[in-house]
């Protein structure tokens, strides 16, 4: 099973910190954010990891090539402009293989046990196109994204939760789409209508490191 880290974005909300450094290389307690993901994936038993790059991608390539944590890294270069989440995953399909794969937003910090995805993937029903990890709504997103009804994820419903940026996907969700820039959420909502998206509510550590303030709050929480 392969994993993908989304690292191509410009990180506009993190400016000025990202004016000269891509957001996944911003330090958290002295370590680049992406380093936490690489370490967690290696400990969870992953061996092949795809990283998409665009904005200041050469810096990400150089750092990860020197700090690969024993992983086989594959880089999906999107050129000068990122292809958004959906388009980025679509562009990387040739590197991700024919089996379900894990995708992680590069700008989150979490202790989610990624080994669970290794166990879940073989048990994923043929009709299920995605399994999403949802979290309790943070202060900056009180409205949430999706509803969880049992193990089924719905686009509408009571007690909405926030999508963590961690998901397990079948290539079939993307493979019939043309190359180009497009978001992930509309694809997921269409699959939800057909009952093809499952999910879980994770209550452990999770932070969307989307602004300088949240980066500072995370470091305070981690005690550094």
C-alpha atoms as a PDB file:
ATOM      1  CA  UNK A   1       0.000   0.000   0.000  1.00  0.00           C
ATOM      2  CA  UNK A   2       1.286   3.450  -0.915  1.00  0.00           C
ATOM      3  CA  UNK A   3       0.796   6.799   0.763  1.00  0.00           C
ATOM      4  CA  UNK A   4       0.784  10.338  -0.596  1.00  0.00           C
ATOM      5  CA  UNK A   5       1.630  13.585   1.181  1.00  0.00           C
ATOM      6  CA  UNK A   6       0.086  16.710  -0.326  1.00  0.00           C
ATOM      7  CA  UNK A   7       2.843  19.310  -0.330  1.00  0.00           C
ATOM      8  CA  UNK A   8       2.300  21.386  -3.481  1.00  0.00           C
ATOM      9  CA  UNK A   9       0.291  24.310  -2.128  1.00  0.00           C
ATOM     10  CA  UNK A  10       1.451  27.911  -1.878  1.00  0.00           C
ATOM     11  CA  UNK A  11       0.409  28.354   1.767  1.00  0.00           C
ATOM     12  CA  UNK A  12      -1.089  31.827   1.357  1.00  0.00           C
ATOM     13  CA  UNK A  13      -2.589  31.849   4.862  1.00  0.00           C
ATOM     14  CA  UNK A  14       0.859  31.172   6.330  1.00  0.00           C
ATOM     15  CA  UNK A  15       2.471  34.243   4.808  1.00  0.00           C
ATOM     16  CA  UNK A  16       4.933  35.804   5.466  1.00  0.00           C
ATOM     17  CA  UNK A  17       6.398  32.536   6.785  1.00  0.00           C
ATOM     18  CA  UNK A  18       5.924  30.876   3.399  1.00  0.00           C
ATOM     19  CA  UNK A  19       7.319  33.680   1.274  1.00  0.00           C
ATOM     20  CA  UNK A  20      10.626  31.817   0.996  1.00  0.00           C
ATOM     21  CA  UNK A  21       9.880  28.359   2.442  1.00  0.00           C
ATOM     22  CA  UNK A  22       7.121  25.897   1.433  1.00  0.00           C
ATOM     23  CA  UNK A  23       4.661  25.323   4.252  1.00  0.00           C
ATOM     24  CA  UNK A  24       5.533  21.644   4.689  1.00  0.00           C
ATOM     25  CA  UNK A  25       9.104  22.655   5.563  1.00  0.00           C
ATOM     26  CA  UNK A  26       8.063  25.119   8.257  1.00  0.00           C
ATOM     27  CA  UNK A  27       9.570  23.984  11.569  1.00  0.00           C
ATOM     28  CA  UNK A  28       7.456  22.629  14.413  1.00  0.00           C
ATOM     29  CA  UNK A  29       9.608  22.260  17.530  1.00  0.00           C
ATOM     30  CA  UNK A  30      12.685  22.431  15.322  1.00  0.00           C
ATOM     31  CA  UNK A  31      11.561  19.789  12.791  1.00  0.00           C
ATOM     32  CA  UNK A  32       9.984  20.464   9.375  1.00  0.00           C
ATOM     33  CA  UNK A  33       6.295  19.623   9.382  1.00  0.00           C
ATOM     34  CA  UNK A  34       6.693  17.017   6.641  1.00  0.00           C
ATOM     35  CA  UNK A  35       9.296  15.219   8.744  1.00  0.00           C
ATOM     36  CA  UNK A  36       6.606  14.187  11.235  1.00  0.00           C
ATOM     37  CA  UNK A  37       4.589  12.569   8.428  1.00  0.00           C
ATOM     38  CA  UNK A  38       7.568  10.717   6.976  1.00  0.00           C
ATOM     39  CA  UNK A  39       8.504   9.391  10.396  1.00  0.00           C
ATOM     40  CA  UNK A  40       4.937   8.309  11.210  1.00  0.00           C
ATOM     41  CA  UNK A  41       4.505   6.558   7.848  1.00  0.00           C
ATOM     42  CA  UNK A  42       7.787   4.671   8.231  1.00  0.00           C
ATOM     43  CA  UNK A  43       6.815   3.543  11.737  1.00  0.00           C
ATOM     44  CA  UNK A  44       3.414   2.434  10.417  1.00  0.00           C
ATOM     45  CA  UNK A  45       5.029   0.094   7.916  1.00  0.00           C
ATOM     46  CA  UNK A  46       4.707   2.097   4.719  1.00  0.00           C
ATOM     47  CA  UNK A  47       7.568   1.789   2.243  1.00  0.00           C
ATOM     48  CA  UNK A  48       6.534   3.830  -0.820  1.00  0.00           C
ATOM     49  CA  UNK A  49       5.452   7.452  -0.367  1.00  0.00           C
ATOM     50  CA  UNK A  50       4.476   9.903  -3.098  1.00  0.00           C
ATOM     51  CA  UNK A  51       4.958  13.635  -2.476  1.00  0.00           C
ATOM     52  CA  UNK A  52       3.430  16.164  -4.836  1.00  0.00           C
ATOM     53  CA  UNK A  53       5.370  19.379  -5.313  1.00  0.00           C
ATOM     54  CA  UNK A  54       4.846  22.716  -7.037  1.00  0.00           C
ATOM     55  CA  UNK A  55       5.573  25.885  -5.017  1.00  0.00           C
ATOM     56  CA  UNK A  56       9.271  25.830  -4.103  1.00  0.00           C
ATOM     57  CA  UNK A  57       9.233  22.141  -4.881  1.00  0.00           C
ATOM     58  CA  UNK A  58      13.012  21.964  -5.250  1.00  0.00           C
ATOM     59  CA  UNK A  59      13.385  22.704  -1.540  1.00  0.00           C
ATOM     60  CA  UNK A  60      11.021  19.863  -0.633  1.00  0.00           C
ATOM     61  CA  UNK A  61      12.795  17.487  -3.006  1.00  0.00           C
ATOM     62  CA  UNK A  62      16.200  18.365  -1.594  1.00  0.00           C
ATOM     63  CA  UNK A  63      15.137  18.039   2.044  1.00  0.00           C
ATOM     64  CA  UNK A  64      13.188  14.801   1.652  1.00  0.00           C
ATOM     65  CA  UNK A  65      15.898  13.208  -0.469  1.00  0.00           C
ATOM     66  CA  UNK A  66      18.292  13.712   2.453  1.00  0.00           C
ATOM     67  CA  UNK A  67      15.769  12.729   5.142  1.00  0.00           C
ATOM     68  CA  UNK A  68      13.779   9.855   3.693  1.00  0.00           C
ATOM     69  CA  UNK A  69      13.399   7.807   6.937  1.00  0.00           C
ATOM     70  CA  UNK A  70      14.172   4.662   4.963  1.00  0.00           C
ATOM     71  CA  UNK A  71      11.186   5.203   2.670  1.00  0.00           C
ATOM     72  CA  UNK A  72      11.157   4.984  -1.112  1.00  0.00           C
ATOM     73  CA  UNK A  73      10.065   8.482  -2.088  1.00  0.00           C
ATOM     74  CA  UNK A  74       8.420   9.336  -5.414  1.00  0.00           C
ATOM     75  CA  UNK A  75       7.854  12.961  -6.423  1.00  0.00           C
ATOM     76  CA  UNK A  76       4.897  14.124  -8.488  1.00  0.00           C
ATOM     77  CA  UNK A  77       5.935  17.471  -9.964  1.00  0.00           C
ATOM     78  CA  UNK A  78       2.959  19.645 -10.874  1.00  0.00           C
ATOM     79  CA  UNK A  79       4.997  22.421 -12.421  1.00  0.00           C
ATOM     80  CA  UNK A  80       4.816  26.075 -11.403  1.00  0.00           C
ATOM     81  CA  UNK A  81       1.155  25.992 -10.297  1.00  0.00           C
ATOM     82  CA  UNK A  82      -0.408  23.424  -7.949  1.00  0.00           C
ATOM     83  CA  UNK A  83      -3.290  21.373  -9.328  1.00  0.00           C
ATOM     84  CA  UNK A  84      -5.436  21.591  -6.148  1.00  0.00           C
ATOM     85  CA  UNK A  85      -6.127  18.504  -4.070  1.00  0.00           C
ATOM     86  CA  UNK A  86      -8.196  16.510  -6.551  1.00  0.00           C
ATOM     87  CA  UNK A  87      -6.053  17.391  -9.548  1.00  0.00           C
ATOM     88  CA  UNK A  88      -2.876  16.681  -7.620  1.00  0.00           C
ATOM     89  CA  UNK A  89      -4.013  13.191  -6.683  1.00  0.00           C
ATOM     90  CA  UNK A  90      -5.203  12.563 -10.266  1.00  0.00           C
ATOM     91  CA  UNK A  91      -1.798  13.642 -11.615  1.00  0.00           C
ATOM     92  CA  UNK A  92      -0.024  11.258  -9.220  1.00  0.00           C
ATOM     93  CA  UNK A  93      -2.104   8.144 -10.047  1.00  0.00           C
ATOM     94  CA  UNK A  94       0.674   6.504 -12.120  1.00  0.00           C
ATOM     95  CA  UNK A  95       2.852   6.596  -8.989  1.00  0.00           C
ATOM     96  CA  UNK A  96       0.148   5.384  -6.602  1.00  0.00           C
ATOM     97  CA  UNK A  97      -0.669   2.029  -8.166  1.00  0.00           C
ATOM     98  CA  UNK A  98      -3.899   0.108  -8.608  1.00  0.00           C
ATOM     99  CA  UNK A  99      -4.715  -0.535  -4.939  1.00  0.00           C
ATOM    100  CA  UNK A 100      -6.307   1.810  -2.361  1.00  0.00           C
ATOM    101  CA  UNK A 101      -3.836   4.437  -1.169  1.00  0.00           C
ATOM    102  CA  UNK A 102      -3.550   6.798   1.777  1.00  0.00           C
ATOM    103  CA  UNK A 103      -3.449  10.583   1.309  1.00  0.00           C
ATOM    104  CA  UNK A 104      -2.390  13.044   4.019  1.00  0.00           C
ATOM    105  CA  UNK A 105      -2.533  16.826   3.868  1.00  0.00           C
ATOM    106  CA  UNK A 106       0.997  18.067   4.354  1.00  0.00           C
ATOM    107  CA  UNK A 107      -0.078  20.998   6.533  1.00  0.00           C
ATOM    108  CA  UNK A 108      -1.604  19.043   9.419  1.00  0.00           C
ATOM    109  CA  UNK A 109      -0.014  17.666  12.582  1.00  0.00           C
ATOM    110  CA  UNK A 110      -1.517  14.520  14.075  1.00  0.00           C
ATOM    111  CA  UNK A 111      -0.855  11.370  16.055  1.00  0.00           C
ATOM    112  CA  UNK A 112      -3.348   9.359  13.991  1.00  0.00           C
ATOM    113  CA  UNK A 113      -2.137   5.716  13.831  1.00  0.00           C
ATOM    114  CA  UNK A 114      -1.561   5.287  10.101  1.00  0.00           C
ATOM    115  CA  UNK A 115      -1.006   1.552  10.572  1.00  0.00           C
ATOM    116  CA  UNK A 116      -4.790   1.296  10.882  1.00  0.00           C
ATOM    117  CA  UNK A 117      -5.064   2.208   7.214  1.00  0.00           C
ATOM    118  CA  UNK A 118      -2.784  -0.698   6.327  1.00  0.00           C
ATOM    119  CA  UNK A 119      -5.285  -2.994   8.050  1.00  0.00           C
ATOM    120  CA  UNK A 120      -8.387  -1.266   6.698  1.00  0.00           C
ATOM    121  CA  UNK A 121      -7.436  -1.190   3.023  1.00  0.00           C
ATOM    122  CA  UNK A 122      -7.811  -4.945   2.312  1.00  0.00           C
ATOM    123  CA  UNK A 123     -11.198  -4.963   4.050  1.00  0.00           C
ATOM    124  CA  UNK A 124     -12.558  -2.019   2.053  1.00  0.00           C
ATOM    125  CA  UNK A 125     -15.615  -3.132   0.101  1.00  0.00           C
ATOM    126  CA  UNK A 126     -15.376  -2.975  -3.689  1.00  0.00           C
ATOM    127  CA  UNK A 127     -18.147  -0.368  -3.770  1.00  0.00           C
ATOM    128  CA  UNK A 128     -16.409   1.976  -1.326  1.00  0.00           C
ATOM    129  CA  UNK A 129     -14.359   4.657  -3.072  1.00  0.00           C
ATOM    130  CA  UNK A 130     -13.104   6.491   0.007  1.00  0.00           C
ATOM    131  CA  UNK A 131     -12.679   6.229   3.759  1.00  0.00           C
ATOM    132  CA  UNK A 132     -12.303   9.596   5.489  1.00  0.00           C
ATOM    133  CA  UNK A 133     -10.940  10.458   8.914  1.00  0.00           C
ATOM    134  CA  UNK A 134     -13.105  13.129  10.533  1.00  0.00           C
ATOM    135  CA  UNK A 135     -12.315  15.142  13.658  1.00  0.00           C
ATOM    136  CA  UNK A 136     -14.277  17.321  16.074  1.00  0.00           C
ATOM    137  CA  UNK A 137     -14.753  20.827  14.712  1.00  0.00           C
ATOM    138  CA  UNK A 138     -11.918  23.202  15.653  1.00  0.00           C
ATOM    139  CA  UNK A 139     -12.652  26.788  16.638  1.00  0.00           C
ATOM    140  CA  UNK A 140     -11.762  28.055  13.171  1.00  0.00           C
ATOM    141  CA  UNK A 141     -14.252  25.698  11.482  1.00  0.00           C
ATOM    142  CA  UNK A 142     -17.296  25.354  13.754  1.00  0.00           C
ATOM    143  CA  UNK A 143     -19.632  24.415  10.880  1.00  0.00           C
ATOM    144  CA  UNK A 144     -17.684  21.264   9.979  1.00  0.00           C
ATOM    145  CA  UNK A 145     -17.595  19.580   6.583  1.00  0.00           C
ATOM    146  CA  UNK A 146     -19.504  16.287   6.568  1.00  0.00           C
ATOM    147  CA  UNK A 147     -21.853  14.250   8.733  1.00  0.00           C
ATOM    148  CA  UNK A 148     -21.069  10.777  10.028  1.00  0.00           C
ATOM    149  CA  UNK A 149     -23.953   8.318  10.287  1.00  0.00           C
ATOM    150  CA  UNK A 150     -22.603   5.072  11.649  1.00  0.00           C
ATOM    151  CA  UNK A 151     -19.707   4.373   9.315  1.00  0.00           C
ATOM    152  CA  UNK A 152     -21.266   6.243   6.379  1.00  0.00           C
ATOM    153  CA  UNK A 153     -20.157   9.791   5.539  1.00  0.00           C
ATOM    154  CA  UNK A 154     -22.863  12.152   4.276  1.00  0.00           C
ATOM    155  CA  UNK A 155     -22.557  15.585   2.712  1.00  0.00           C
ATOM    156  CA  UNK A 156     -25.432  16.899   4.847  1.00  0.00           C
ATOM    157  CA  UNK A 157     -26.785  15.998   8.259  1.00  0.00           C
ATOM    158  CA  UNK A 158     -26.741  16.826  11.936  1.00  0.00           C
ATOM    159  CA  UNK A 159     -23.604  16.757  14.086  1.00  0.00           C
ATOM    160  CA  UNK A 160     -21.245  17.653  11.280  1.00  0.00           C
ATOM    161  CA  UNK A 161     -17.537  16.981  11.707  1.00  0.00           C
ATOM    162  CA  UNK A 162     -14.406  18.371  10.041  1.00  0.00           C
ATOM    163  CA  UNK A 163     -12.461  16.447   7.420  1.00  0.00           C
ATOM    164  CA  UNK A 164      -8.974  15.914   8.822  1.00  0.00           C
ATOM    165  CA  UNK A 165      -7.159  15.789   5.498  1.00  0.00           C
ATOM    166  CA  UNK A 166      -6.494  12.072   6.007  1.00  0.00           C
ATOM    167  CA  UNK A 167      -8.232   9.704   3.600  1.00  0.00           C
ATOM    168  CA  UNK A 168      -7.998   6.287   2.019  1.00  0.00           C
ATOM    169  CA  UNK A 169      -8.999   6.283  -1.669  1.00  0.00           C
ATOM    170  CA  UNK A 170      -9.533   3.882  -4.508  1.00  0.00           C
ATOM    171  CA  UNK A 171      -7.968   4.989  -7.814  1.00  0.00           C
ATOM    172  CA  UNK A 172     -11.428   4.620  -9.408  1.00  0.00           C
ATOM    173  CA  UNK A 173     -12.496   7.854  -7.684  1.00  0.00           C
ATOM    174  CA  UNK A 174     -10.078   9.783  -9.934  1.00  0.00           C
ATOM    175  CA  UNK A 175      -9.012   7.692 -12.898  1.00  0.00           C
ATOM    176  CA  UNK A 176     -11.789   8.673 -15.341  1.00  0.00           C
ATOM    177  CA  UNK A 177     -11.152  12.386 -14.853  1.00  0.00           C
ATOM    178  CA  UNK A 178      -9.089  14.545 -17.171  1.00  0.00           C
ATOM    179  CA  UNK A 179      -5.796  16.021 -16.031  1.00  0.00           C
ATOM    180  CA  UNK A 180      -5.973  19.525 -14.627  1.00  0.00           C
ATOM    181  CA  UNK A 181      -6.615  21.520 -11.481  1.00  0.00           C
ATOM    182  CA  UNK A 182      -9.755  20.645  -9.524  1.00  0.00           C
ATOM    183  CA  UNK A 183     -10.782  20.289  -5.860  1.00  0.00           C
ATOM    184  CA  UNK A 184     -11.410  17.027  -4.031  1.00  0.00           C
ATOM    185  CA  UNK A 185     -14.606  17.923  -2.131  1.00  0.00           C
ATOM    186  CA  UNK A 186     -17.038  17.785  -5.113  1.00  0.00           C
ATOM    187  CA  UNK A 187     -15.779  14.297  -6.015  1.00  0.00           C
ATOM    188  CA  UNK A 188     -16.364  13.129  -2.475  1.00  0.00           C
ATOM    189  CA  UNK A 189     -19.828  14.646  -2.301  1.00  0.00           C
ATOM    190  CA  UNK A 190     -20.832  12.902  -5.536  1.00  0.00           C
ATOM    191  CA  UNK A 191     -19.602   9.585  -4.149  1.00  0.00           C
ATOM    192  CA  UNK A 192     -21.482  10.229  -0.904  1.00  0.00           C
ATOM    193  CA  UNK A 193     -24.744  10.504  -2.828  1.00  0.00           C
ATOM    194  CA  UNK A 194     -24.145   6.949  -4.037  1.00  0.00           C
ATOM    195  CA  UNK A 195     -23.213   5.683  -0.580  1.00  0.00           C
ATOM    196  CA  UNK A 196     -19.584   5.100  -1.560  1.00  0.00           C
ATOM    197  CA  UNK A 197     -17.798   6.984   1.233  1.00  0.00           C
ATOM    198  CA  UNK A 198     -17.158   5.589   4.704  1.00  0.00           C
ATOM    199  CA  UNK A 199     -15.441   7.258   7.617  1.00  0.00           C
ATOM    200  CA  UNK A 200     -14.487   7.414  11.251  1.00  0.00           C
ATOM    201  CA  UNK A 201     -14.317  10.022  14.016  1.00  0.00           C
ATOM    202  CA  UNK A 202     -10.805  10.403  15.387  1.00  0.00           C
ATOM    203  CA  UNK A 203     -10.499  11.997  18.821  1.00  0.00           C
ATOM    204  CA  UNK A 204      -6.704  12.115  19.136  1.00  0.00           C
ATOM    205  CA  UNK A 205      -4.283  14.948  18.410  1.00  0.00           C
ATOM    206  CA  UNK A 206      -4.950  16.814  15.210  1.00  0.00           C
ATOM    207  CA  UNK A 207      -4.123  20.358  14.152  1.00  0.00           C
ATOM    208  CA  UNK A 208      -4.594  22.163  10.872  1.00  0.00           C
ATOM    209  CA  UNK A 209      -1.380  24.185  10.812  1.00  0.00           C
ATOM    210  CA  UNK A 210      -2.912  26.743   8.496  1.00  0.00           C
ATOM    211  CA  UNK A 211      -1.867  30.070  10.002  1.00  0.00           C
ATOM    212  CA  UNK A 212       1.141  31.424  11.930  1.00  0.00           C
ATOM    213  CA  UNK A 213      -1.050  31.673  15.027  1.00  0.00           C
ATOM    214  CA  UNK A 214      -2.063  28.002  14.870  1.00  0.00           C
ATOM    215  CA  UNK A 215       1.565  27.037  14.308  1.00  0.00           C
ATOM    216  CA  UNK A 216       2.506  28.909  17.483  1.00  0.00           C
ATOM    217  CA  UNK A 217      -0.381  27.324  19.399  1.00  0.00           C
ATOM    218  CA  UNK A 218       0.717  23.869  18.285  1.00  0.00           C
ATOM    219  CA  UNK A 219       4.257  24.421  19.520  1.00  0.00           C
ATOM    220  CA  UNK A 220       2.886  25.596  22.864  1.00  0.00           C
ATOM    221  CA  UNK A 221       0.728  22.478  23.081  1.00  0.00           C
ATOM    222  CA  UNK A 222       3.745  20.284  22.312  1.00  0.00           C
ATOM    223  CA  UNK A 223       5.767  22.099  24.957  1.00  0.00           C
ATOM    224  CA  UNK A 224       8.512  23.551  22.822  1.00  0.00           C
END
